[in-house]
Protein backbone atom coordinates (compact mmCIF):
# COMPACT_ATOMS: atom_id res chain seq x y z
CA UNK A 1 0.00 0.00 0.00
CA UNK A 2 1.37 3.40 -0.93
CA UNK A 3 1.78 6.08 1.75
CA UNK A 4 -0.83 8.21 -0.05
CA UNK A 5 -3.36 5.36 -0.03
CA UNK A 6 -2.63 4.70 3.65
CA UNK A 7 -3.25 8.38 4.50
CA UNK A 8 -6.49 8.39 2.49
CA UNK A 9 -7.75 5.19 4.13
CA UNK A 10 -6.77 6.47 7.61
CA UNK A 11 -8.63 9.75 7.00
CA UNK A 12 -11.69 7.80 5.86
CA UNK A 13 -11.57 5.65 8.99
CA UNK A 14 -11.35 8.77 11.14
CA UNK A 15 -14.32 10.39 9.36
CA UNK A 16 -16.49 7.31 9.83
CA UNK A 17 -15.55 6.82 13.48
CA UNK A 18 -15.89 10.54 14.28
CA UNK A 19 -19.37 10.65 12.74
CA UNK A 20 -20.38 7.63 14.82
CA UNK A 21 -18.83 9.02 18.01
CA UNK A 22 -20.34 12.49 17.60
CA UNK A 23 -23.83 11.03 17.21
CA UNK A 24 -23.73 8.04 19.57
CA UNK A 25 -21.41 9.13 22.38
CA UNK A 26 -22.58 12.67 23.07
CA UNK A 27 -22.18 12.32 26.85
CA UNK A 28 -18.74 10.67 26.82
CA UNK A 29 -15.68 12.79 27.63
CA UNK A 30 -13.67 13.52 24.48
CA UNK A 31 -9.92 13.16 24.08
CA UNK A 32 -7.65 15.51 22.11
CA UNK A 33 -8.57 13.55 18.97
CA UNK A 34 -12.19 14.69 19.61
CA UNK A 35 -13.19 11.05 20.02
CA UNK A 36 -14.27 9.31 23.20
CA UNK A 37 -11.94 6.72 24.72
CA UNK A 38 -13.82 3.78 23.16
CA UNK A 39 -13.82 5.24 19.65
CA UNK A 40 -10.19 6.34 19.94
CA UNK A 41 -9.32 2.73 20.81
CA UNK A 42 -11.26 1.45 17.78
CA UNK A 43 -9.51 3.98 15.50
CA UNK A 44 -6.04 3.06 16.78
CA UNK A 45 -6.84 -0.65 16.37
CA UNK A 46 -8.12 -0.13 12.81
CA UNK A 47 -5.10 1.97 11.78
CA UNK A 48 -2.73 -0.62 13.21
CA UNK A 49 -4.49 -3.34 11.21
CA UNK A 50 -4.36 -1.14 8.12
CA UNK A 51 -0.59 -0.70 8.58
CA UNK A 52 -0.14 -4.45 8.82
CA UNK A 53 -2.36 -5.36 5.85
CA UNK A 54 -0.37 -7.84 3.72
CA UNK A 55 -2.25 -7.06 0.49
CA UNK A 56 -0.71 -4.74 -2.08
CA UNK A 57 -4.18 -3.69 -3.23
CA UNK A 58 -6.33 -3.78 -0.10
CA UNK A 59 -9.70 -5.48 -0.55
CA UNK A 60 -12.65 -4.43 1.57
CA UNK A 61 -12.50 -6.19 4.92
CA UNK A 62 -15.78 -7.97 4.17
CA UNK A 63 -14.25 -9.60 1.06
CA UNK A 64 -10.75 -10.19 2.44
CA UNK A 65 -9.46 -13.78 2.10
CA UNK A 66 -7.38 -13.40 5.28
CA UNK A 67 -9.22 -11.15 7.77
CA UNK A 68 -7.00 -9.53 10.40
CA UNK A 69 -9.65 -8.05 12.71
CA UNK A 70 -10.67 -9.89 15.87
CA UNK A 71 -14.33 -10.93 15.63
CA UNK A 72 -15.54 -8.43 18.26
CA UNK A 73 -13.68 -5.54 16.63
CA UNK A 74 -14.88 -6.56 13.18
CA UNK A 75 -18.47 -6.42 14.44
CA UNK A 76 -17.89 -3.02 16.05
CA UNK A 77 -16.31 -1.63 12.89
CA UNK A 78 -19.16 -3.01 10.77
CA UNK A 79 -21.64 -1.27 13.08
CA UNK A 80 -19.71 2.01 12.78
CA UNK A 81 -19.42 1.74 8.99
CA UNK A 82 -23.12 1.00 8.52
CA UNK A 83 -24.20 3.86 10.77
CA UNK A 84 -21.75 6.45 9.46
CA UNK A 85 -22.01 5.37 5.84
CA UNK A 86 -25.68 6.29 5.83
CA UNK A 87 -25.05 9.66 7.47
CA UNK A 88 -22.05 10.56 5.33
CA UNK A 89 -23.90 9.49 2.19
CA UNK A 90 -26.92 11.60 3.12
CA UNK A 91 -24.66 14.57 3.87
CA UNK A 92 -23.10 14.25 0.42
CA UNK A 93 -26.55 14.03 -1.18
CA UNK A 94 -27.78 17.09 0.75
CA UNK A 95 -24.76 19.10 -0.40
CA UNK A 96 -25.43 18.13 -4.02
CA UNK A 97 -29.12 19.04 -3.84
CA UNK A 98 -28.87 22.25 -1.83
CA UNK A 99 -25.82 24.01 -3.27
C-alpha atoms as a PDB file:
ATOM      1  CA  UNK A   1       0.000   0.000   0.000  1.00  0.00           C
ATOM      2  CA  UNK A   2       1.367   3.400  -0.932  1.00  0.00           C
ATOM      3  CA  UNK A   3       1.784   6.080   1.753  1.00  0.00           C
ATOM      4  CA  UNK A   4      -0.832   8.207  -0.049  1.00  0.00           C
ATOM      5  CA  UNK A   5      -3.365   5.357  -0.027  1.00  0.00           C
ATOM      6  CA  UNK A   6      -2.629   4.699   3.647  1.00  0.00           C
ATOM      7  CA  UNK A   7      -3.249   8.378   4.496  1.00  0.00           C
ATOM      8  CA  UNK A   8      -6.486   8.393   2.490  1.00  0.00           C
ATOM      9  CA  UNK A   9      -7.753   5.194   4.132  1.00  0.00           C
ATOM     10  CA  UNK A  10      -6.770   6.470   7.607  1.00  0.00           C
ATOM     11  CA  UNK A  11      -8.626   9.747   7.005  1.00  0.00           C
ATOM     12  CA  UNK A  12     -11.693   7.799   5.858  1.00  0.00           C
ATOM     13  CA  UNK A  13     -11.574   5.650   8.994  1.00  0.00           C
ATOM     14  CA  UNK A  14     -11.350   8.771  11.145  1.00  0.00           C
ATOM     15  CA  UNK A  15     -14.321  10.391   9.356  1.00  0.00           C
ATOM     16  CA  UNK A  16     -16.488   7.312   9.830  1.00  0.00           C
ATOM     17  CA  UNK A  17     -15.545   6.818  13.483  1.00  0.00           C
ATOM     18  CA  UNK A  18     -15.890  10.544  14.280  1.00  0.00           C
ATOM     19  CA  UNK A  19     -19.375  10.645  12.743  1.00  0.00           C
ATOM     20  CA  UNK A  20     -20.385   7.629  14.818  1.00  0.00           C
ATOM     21  CA  UNK A  21     -18.831   9.018  18.014  1.00  0.00           C
ATOM     22  CA  UNK A  22     -20.342  12.491  17.597  1.00  0.00           C
ATOM     23  CA  UNK A  23     -23.833  11.027  17.210  1.00  0.00           C
ATOM     24  CA  UNK A  24     -23.733   8.040  19.574  1.00  0.00           C
ATOM     25  CA  UNK A  25     -21.406   9.129  22.384  1.00  0.00           C
ATOM     26  CA  UNK A  26     -22.578  12.667  23.072  1.00  0.00           C
ATOM     27  CA  UNK A  27     -22.175  12.322  26.852  1.00  0.00           C
ATOM     28  CA  UNK A  28     -18.742  10.673  26.816  1.00  0.00           C
ATOM     29  CA  UNK A  29     -15.677  12.788  27.627  1.00  0.00           C
ATOM     30  CA  UNK A  30     -13.674  13.518  24.481  1.00  0.00           C
ATOM     31  CA  UNK A  31      -9.921  13.157  24.076  1.00  0.00           C
ATOM     32  CA  UNK A  32      -7.651  15.505  22.110  1.00  0.00           C
ATOM     33  CA  UNK A  33      -8.573  13.555  18.970  1.00  0.00           C
ATOM     34  CA  UNK A  34     -12.190  14.691  19.613  1.00  0.00           C
ATOM     35  CA  UNK A  35     -13.185  11.050  20.020  1.00  0.00           C
ATOM     36  CA  UNK A  36     -14.266   9.307  23.198  1.00  0.00           C
ATOM     37  CA  UNK A  37     -11.942   6.720  24.724  1.00  0.00           C
ATOM     38  CA  UNK A  38     -13.817   3.778  23.165  1.00  0.00           C
ATOM     39  CA  UNK A  39     -13.823   5.245  19.647  1.00  0.00           C
ATOM     40  CA  UNK A  40     -10.187   6.340  19.944  1.00  0.00           C
ATOM     41  CA  UNK A  41      -9.317   2.727  20.814  1.00  0.00           C
ATOM     42  CA  UNK A  42     -11.260   1.453  17.780  1.00  0.00           C
ATOM     43  CA  UNK A  43      -9.513   3.984  15.501  1.00  0.00           C
ATOM     44  CA  UNK A  44      -6.045   3.056  16.776  1.00  0.00           C
ATOM     45  CA  UNK A  45      -6.841  -0.648  16.371  1.00  0.00           C
ATOM     46  CA  UNK A  46      -8.119  -0.130  12.806  1.00  0.00           C
ATOM     47  CA  UNK A  47      -5.105   1.973  11.783  1.00  0.00           C
ATOM     48  CA  UNK A  48      -2.726  -0.620  13.214  1.00  0.00           C
ATOM     49  CA  UNK A  49      -4.487  -3.342  11.210  1.00  0.00           C
ATOM     50  CA  UNK A  50      -4.356  -1.139   8.122  1.00  0.00           C
ATOM     51  CA  UNK A  51      -0.592  -0.699   8.577  1.00  0.00           C
ATOM     52  CA  UNK A  52      -0.142  -4.454   8.824  1.00  0.00           C
ATOM     53  CA  UNK A  53      -2.356  -5.360   5.849  1.00  0.00           C
ATOM     54  CA  UNK A  54      -0.373  -7.837   3.718  1.00  0.00           C
ATOM     55  CA  UNK A  55      -2.254  -7.061   0.488  1.00  0.00           C
ATOM     56  CA  UNK A  56      -0.712  -4.739  -2.082  1.00  0.00           C
ATOM     57  CA  UNK A  57      -4.177  -3.695  -3.227  1.00  0.00           C
ATOM     58  CA  UNK A  58      -6.329  -3.782  -0.100  1.00  0.00           C
ATOM     59  CA  UNK A  59      -9.705  -5.482  -0.550  1.00  0.00           C
ATOM     60  CA  UNK A  60     -12.655  -4.432   1.574  1.00  0.00           C
ATOM     61  CA  UNK A  61     -12.504  -6.190   4.919  1.00  0.00           C
ATOM     62  CA  UNK A  62     -15.775  -7.969   4.166  1.00  0.00           C
ATOM     63  CA  UNK A  63     -14.252  -9.602   1.061  1.00  0.00           C
ATOM     64  CA  UNK A  64     -10.745 -10.191   2.439  1.00  0.00           C
ATOM     65  CA  UNK A  65      -9.458 -13.784   2.099  1.00  0.00           C
ATOM     66  CA  UNK A  66      -7.378 -13.398   5.284  1.00  0.00           C
ATOM     67  CA  UNK A  67      -9.222 -11.149   7.773  1.00  0.00           C
ATOM     68  CA  UNK A  68      -7.004  -9.532  10.399  1.00  0.00           C
ATOM     69  CA  UNK A  69      -9.650  -8.053  12.709  1.00  0.00           C
ATOM     70  CA  UNK A  70     -10.675  -9.891  15.866  1.00  0.00           C
ATOM     71  CA  UNK A  71     -14.326 -10.926  15.634  1.00  0.00           C
ATOM     72  CA  UNK A  72     -15.541  -8.427  18.262  1.00  0.00           C
ATOM     73  CA  UNK A  73     -13.681  -5.537  16.631  1.00  0.00           C
ATOM     74  CA  UNK A  74     -14.882  -6.563  13.185  1.00  0.00           C
ATOM     75  CA  UNK A  75     -18.474  -6.420  14.444  1.00  0.00           C
ATOM     76  CA  UNK A  76     -17.893  -3.016  16.055  1.00  0.00           C
ATOM     77  CA  UNK A  77     -16.314  -1.626  12.892  1.00  0.00           C
ATOM     78  CA  UNK A  78     -19.162  -3.015  10.767  1.00  0.00           C
ATOM     79  CA  UNK A  79     -21.638  -1.274  13.081  1.00  0.00           C
ATOM     80  CA  UNK A  80     -19.713   2.011  12.783  1.00  0.00           C
ATOM     81  CA  UNK A  81     -19.419   1.737   8.987  1.00  0.00           C
ATOM     82  CA  UNK A  82     -23.124   0.998   8.517  1.00  0.00           C
ATOM     83  CA  UNK A  83     -24.196   3.861  10.774  1.00  0.00           C
ATOM     84  CA  UNK A  84     -21.745   6.446   9.457  1.00  0.00           C
ATOM     85  CA  UNK A  85     -22.014   5.368   5.844  1.00  0.00           C
ATOM     86  CA  UNK A  86     -25.680   6.294   5.827  1.00  0.00           C
ATOM     87  CA  UNK A  87     -25.052   9.661   7.466  1.00  0.00           C
ATOM     88  CA  UNK A  88     -22.050  10.561   5.328  1.00  0.00           C
ATOM     89  CA  UNK A  89     -23.902   9.489   2.188  1.00  0.00           C
ATOM     90  CA  UNK A  90     -26.918  11.601   3.120  1.00  0.00           C
ATOM     91  CA  UNK A  91     -24.659  14.570   3.865  1.00  0.00           C
ATOM     92  CA  UNK A  92     -23.100  14.254   0.424  1.00  0.00           C
ATOM     93  CA  UNK A  93     -26.547  14.027  -1.185  1.00  0.00           C
ATOM     94  CA  UNK A  94     -27.784  17.095   0.749  1.00  0.00           C
ATOM     95  CA  UNK A  95     -24.761  19.098  -0.399  1.00  0.00           C
ATOM     96  CA  UNK A  96     -25.429  18.127  -4.018  1.00  0.00           C
ATOM     97  CA  UNK A  97     -29.119  19.043  -3.835  1.00  0.00           C
ATOM     98  CA  UNK A  98     -28.874  22.253  -1.830  1.00  0.00           C
ATOM     99  CA  UNK A  99     -25.823  24.012  -3.272  1.00  0.00           C
END
